[in-house]
Protein backbone atom coordinates (compact mmCIF):
# COMPACT_ATOMS: atom_id res chain seq x y z
CA MET A 1 -30.28 -5.61 25.43
CA ASN A 2 -27.34 -7.56 23.99
CA TRP A 3 -25.95 -6.86 20.64
CA ARG A 4 -23.89 -8.91 18.37
CA ILE A 5 -22.07 -7.73 15.17
CA ILE A 6 -22.71 -9.81 12.46
CA ASN A 7 -20.99 -9.38 8.86
CA VAL A 8 -23.85 -9.06 6.69
CA ASN A 9 -21.86 -9.02 3.43
CA LYS A 10 -22.57 -11.99 1.15
CA THR A 11 -19.79 -11.27 -1.02
CA LYS A 12 -16.69 -13.33 -0.26
CA VAL A 13 -13.64 -11.08 -0.62
CA ILE A 14 -10.33 -12.32 -1.74
CA VAL A 15 -7.27 -9.78 -1.82
CA ILE A 16 -4.94 -10.99 -4.52
CA ASN A 17 -1.23 -9.58 -4.97
CA GLY A 18 2.07 -10.53 -6.55
CA ASN A 19 4.79 -8.82 -8.76
CA GLY A 20 3.73 -7.47 -12.12
CA CYS A 21 3.39 -10.29 -14.64
CA SER A 22 3.33 -12.93 -11.85
CA GLY A 23 0.12 -14.41 -13.06
CA LYS A 24 -2.69 -12.83 -10.90
CA ASP A 25 -5.19 -12.15 -13.74
CA THR A 26 -4.54 -15.61 -15.34
CA PHE A 27 -5.16 -17.29 -11.73
CA VAL A 28 -8.49 -15.30 -11.61
CA ASP A 29 -9.40 -16.15 -15.05
CA PHE A 30 -8.98 -19.90 -14.10
CA CYS A 31 -11.05 -19.32 -10.93
CA LEU A 32 -13.84 -17.69 -13.25
CA GLU A 33 -13.82 -20.94 -15.40
CA ILE A 34 -14.87 -22.81 -12.13
CA ASN A 35 -17.43 -20.07 -10.71
CA PRO A 36 -19.28 -17.69 -12.97
CA ASN A 37 -19.95 -15.50 -9.85
CA ILE A 38 -16.44 -14.20 -9.73
CA HIS A 39 -15.67 -10.66 -10.15
CA ARG A 40 -12.52 -8.47 -10.06
CA ILE A 41 -11.41 -4.91 -9.04
CA SER A 42 -8.31 -3.22 -8.33
CA THR A 43 -7.63 -0.53 -5.73
CA VAL A 44 -6.06 1.42 -8.67
CA ASP A 45 -8.70 1.12 -11.17
CA PHE A 46 -10.12 4.49 -10.54
CA VAL A 47 -6.57 5.85 -10.13
CA LYS A 48 -5.77 4.81 -13.56
CA HIS A 49 -8.89 6.40 -14.86
CA LEU A 50 -7.90 9.73 -13.34
CA ALA A 51 -4.35 9.34 -14.66
CA SER A 52 -5.62 8.91 -18.12
CA LEU A 53 -7.50 11.95 -17.85
CA CYS A 54 -4.25 13.56 -16.95
CA GLY A 55 -2.62 12.22 -19.99
CA TRP A 56 -1.11 8.91 -18.90
CA ASP A 57 -1.12 6.69 -21.80
CA GLY A 58 -1.58 3.22 -20.07
CA THR A 59 2.18 2.32 -20.22
CA LYS A 60 3.80 0.89 -17.12
CA THR A 61 7.21 2.36 -17.12
CA PRO A 62 8.88 2.78 -13.70
CA GLU A 63 7.96 6.57 -13.80
CA ASN A 64 4.47 5.94 -14.72
CA ARG A 65 4.19 3.31 -12.02
CA LYS A 66 5.66 5.75 -9.41
CA PHE A 67 3.02 8.27 -10.73
CA LEU A 68 -0.01 6.12 -10.00
CA SER A 69 1.48 4.80 -6.69
CA ASP A 70 1.68 8.55 -5.68
CA LEU A 71 -1.69 9.45 -7.12
CA LYS A 72 -3.30 6.56 -5.17
CA ASP A 73 -1.72 7.79 -1.93
CA LEU A 74 -2.90 11.26 -2.40
CA LEU A 75 -6.46 10.10 -3.02
CA GLU A 76 -6.20 7.77 -0.01
CA GLY A 77 -4.93 10.18 2.13
CA TRP A 78 -7.53 12.96 1.10
CA ASP A 79 -10.77 10.86 1.50
CA ASN A 80 -9.85 7.06 1.13
CA VAL A 81 -11.21 7.11 -2.43
CA PRO A 82 -9.60 4.05 -3.88
CA ASN A 83 -11.21 1.97 -1.06
CA LYS A 84 -14.42 3.71 -1.09
CA ILE A 85 -14.81 2.64 -4.91
CA VAL A 86 -14.18 -0.74 -3.92
CA GLU A 87 -16.48 -0.82 -1.15
CA ASN A 88 -19.23 0.54 -3.35
CA TYR A 89 -18.72 -2.53 -5.57
CA ILE A 90 -18.93 -4.71 -2.81
CA GLY A 91 -22.22 -3.17 -1.86
CA TYR A 92 -23.43 -3.52 -5.28
CA LEU A 93 -22.36 -7.40 -5.31
CA ASP A 94 -24.03 -7.93 -2.06
CA ASP A 95 -27.39 -6.98 -3.59
CA ALA A 96 -27.06 -10.11 -5.88
CA GLU A 97 -29.40 -12.97 -5.08
CA ILE A 98 -26.49 -15.59 -5.22
CA PRO A 99 -23.25 -14.97 -3.23
CA GLN A 100 -20.65 -13.65 -5.24
CA ILE A 101 -16.63 -13.67 -5.08
CA LEU A 102 -14.59 -10.60 -5.41
CA PHE A 103 -10.95 -10.69 -6.08
CA ILE A 104 -9.54 -7.32 -5.15
CA HIS A 105 -6.04 -6.47 -6.55
CA ALA A 106 -4.26 -4.64 -3.79
CA ARG A 107 -0.56 -4.11 -3.30
CA GLU A 108 -0.01 -2.26 -0.15
CA PRO A 109 -0.08 -4.11 3.00
CA ASN A 110 -2.45 -1.55 4.80
CA ASN A 111 -4.80 -1.99 1.99
CA ILE A 112 -4.76 -5.88 2.39
CA GLN A 113 -5.26 -5.70 6.09
CA TYR A 114 -7.99 -3.14 5.58
CA TYR A 115 -9.92 -5.78 3.65
CA LYS A 116 -9.10 -8.52 6.01
CA ASP A 117 -10.32 -6.42 9.06
CA LYS A 118 -13.47 -5.16 7.34
CA TYR A 119 -14.70 -7.90 5.03
CA ASN A 120 -12.76 -10.96 6.60
CA ALA A 121 -11.01 -11.16 3.25
CA THR A 122 -8.61 -13.94 2.39
CA ALA A 123 -5.21 -12.71 1.24
CA ILE A 124 -3.33 -14.67 -1.43
CA LEU A 125 0.06 -14.15 -2.90
CA ILE A 126 0.91 -15.24 -6.62
CA LEU A 127 4.71 -16.18 -6.42
CA ASN A 128 6.43 -16.39 -9.60
CA ASP A 129 10.31 -16.51 -9.46
CA ASN A 130 10.62 -15.81 -13.13
CA VAL A 131 9.53 -12.03 -12.96
CA GLU A 132 11.52 -9.38 -11.19
CA GLN A 133 10.14 -7.34 -8.37
CA ILE A 134 9.37 -3.82 -9.32
CA THR A 135 11.25 -1.30 -7.10
CA SER A 136 10.40 2.07 -8.59
CA ASN A 137 7.60 2.84 -5.87
CA HIS A 138 6.72 1.89 -2.55
CA ALA A 139 3.35 0.00 -3.55
CA ASP A 140 5.34 -2.55 -5.77
CA MET A 141 8.31 -2.76 -3.28
CA GLY A 142 6.01 -4.07 -0.46
CA VAL A 143 4.60 -7.14 -2.25
CA TYR A 144 6.14 -9.50 0.24
CA ASP A 145 5.58 -7.24 3.29
CA PHE A 146 2.21 -9.31 4.42
CA ALA A 147 1.53 -12.47 6.01
CA TYR A 148 -0.64 -14.02 3.34
CA ASP A 149 -3.28 -16.64 3.96
CA TYR A 150 -2.30 -18.64 0.75
CA ILE A 151 0.76 -18.53 -1.43
CA ILE A 152 0.12 -19.60 -4.97
CA ASP A 153 3.35 -21.07 -6.49
CA ASN A 154 3.20 -20.05 -10.20
CA ASN A 155 6.71 -21.35 -11.23
CA GLY A 156 5.28 -24.14 -13.35
CA ASP A 157 3.35 -24.10 -16.58
CA LEU A 158 -0.37 -22.86 -17.11
CA GLU A 159 -1.79 -26.46 -16.32
CA GLN A 160 -0.23 -26.44 -12.89
CA LEU A 161 -1.60 -22.69 -12.30
CA LYS A 162 -5.08 -23.96 -13.33
CA GLU A 163 -4.78 -26.97 -10.87
CA SER A 164 -3.98 -24.35 -8.08
CA ALA A 165 -6.82 -22.45 -8.86
CA GLU A 166 -9.06 -25.46 -8.90
CA THR A 167 -7.53 -26.35 -5.36
CA PHE A 168 -8.01 -22.85 -4.10
CA MET A 169 -11.68 -22.90 -5.25
CA LYS A 170 -12.40 -26.06 -3.44
CA ILE A 171 -10.75 -24.51 -0.22
CA LEU A 172 -12.71 -21.53 -0.55
CA ASN A 173 -16.01 -23.29 -0.64
């Protein structure tokens, strides 16, 4: 008997990355205006929750960014917890009657590749030359260390970013 492996996931996975304040969330917001079946999650959402239980006040100072990055590394090394949380969400979305689109905010190249390999994800980088690259931790330093499928130039105004979102959504369909 011959077997074929078929990806049964109905959810389209997009990994989005870029420097802090580059326009990632704004881009996803514009995509959501086009398609209401868009969701977002970050590989550090659960990490931030745990950090807040430890006293983190939500600020993103260089020291706090390093703390979050280190905590994420520990959770991944221990039992791949951040990725398991995201995968549970993908499973939840796969149960929907209508195919869903999930934007995953992920920084590290190994995480981006993980989702490309497992879910045939599309990887996009939001490029904004007006914001400085954060170098206080390895996750933020590695933003450009991946061969993205698409680079969205966010060096213009909001209208141009909205047009980029519209173009991307047309390509995605």
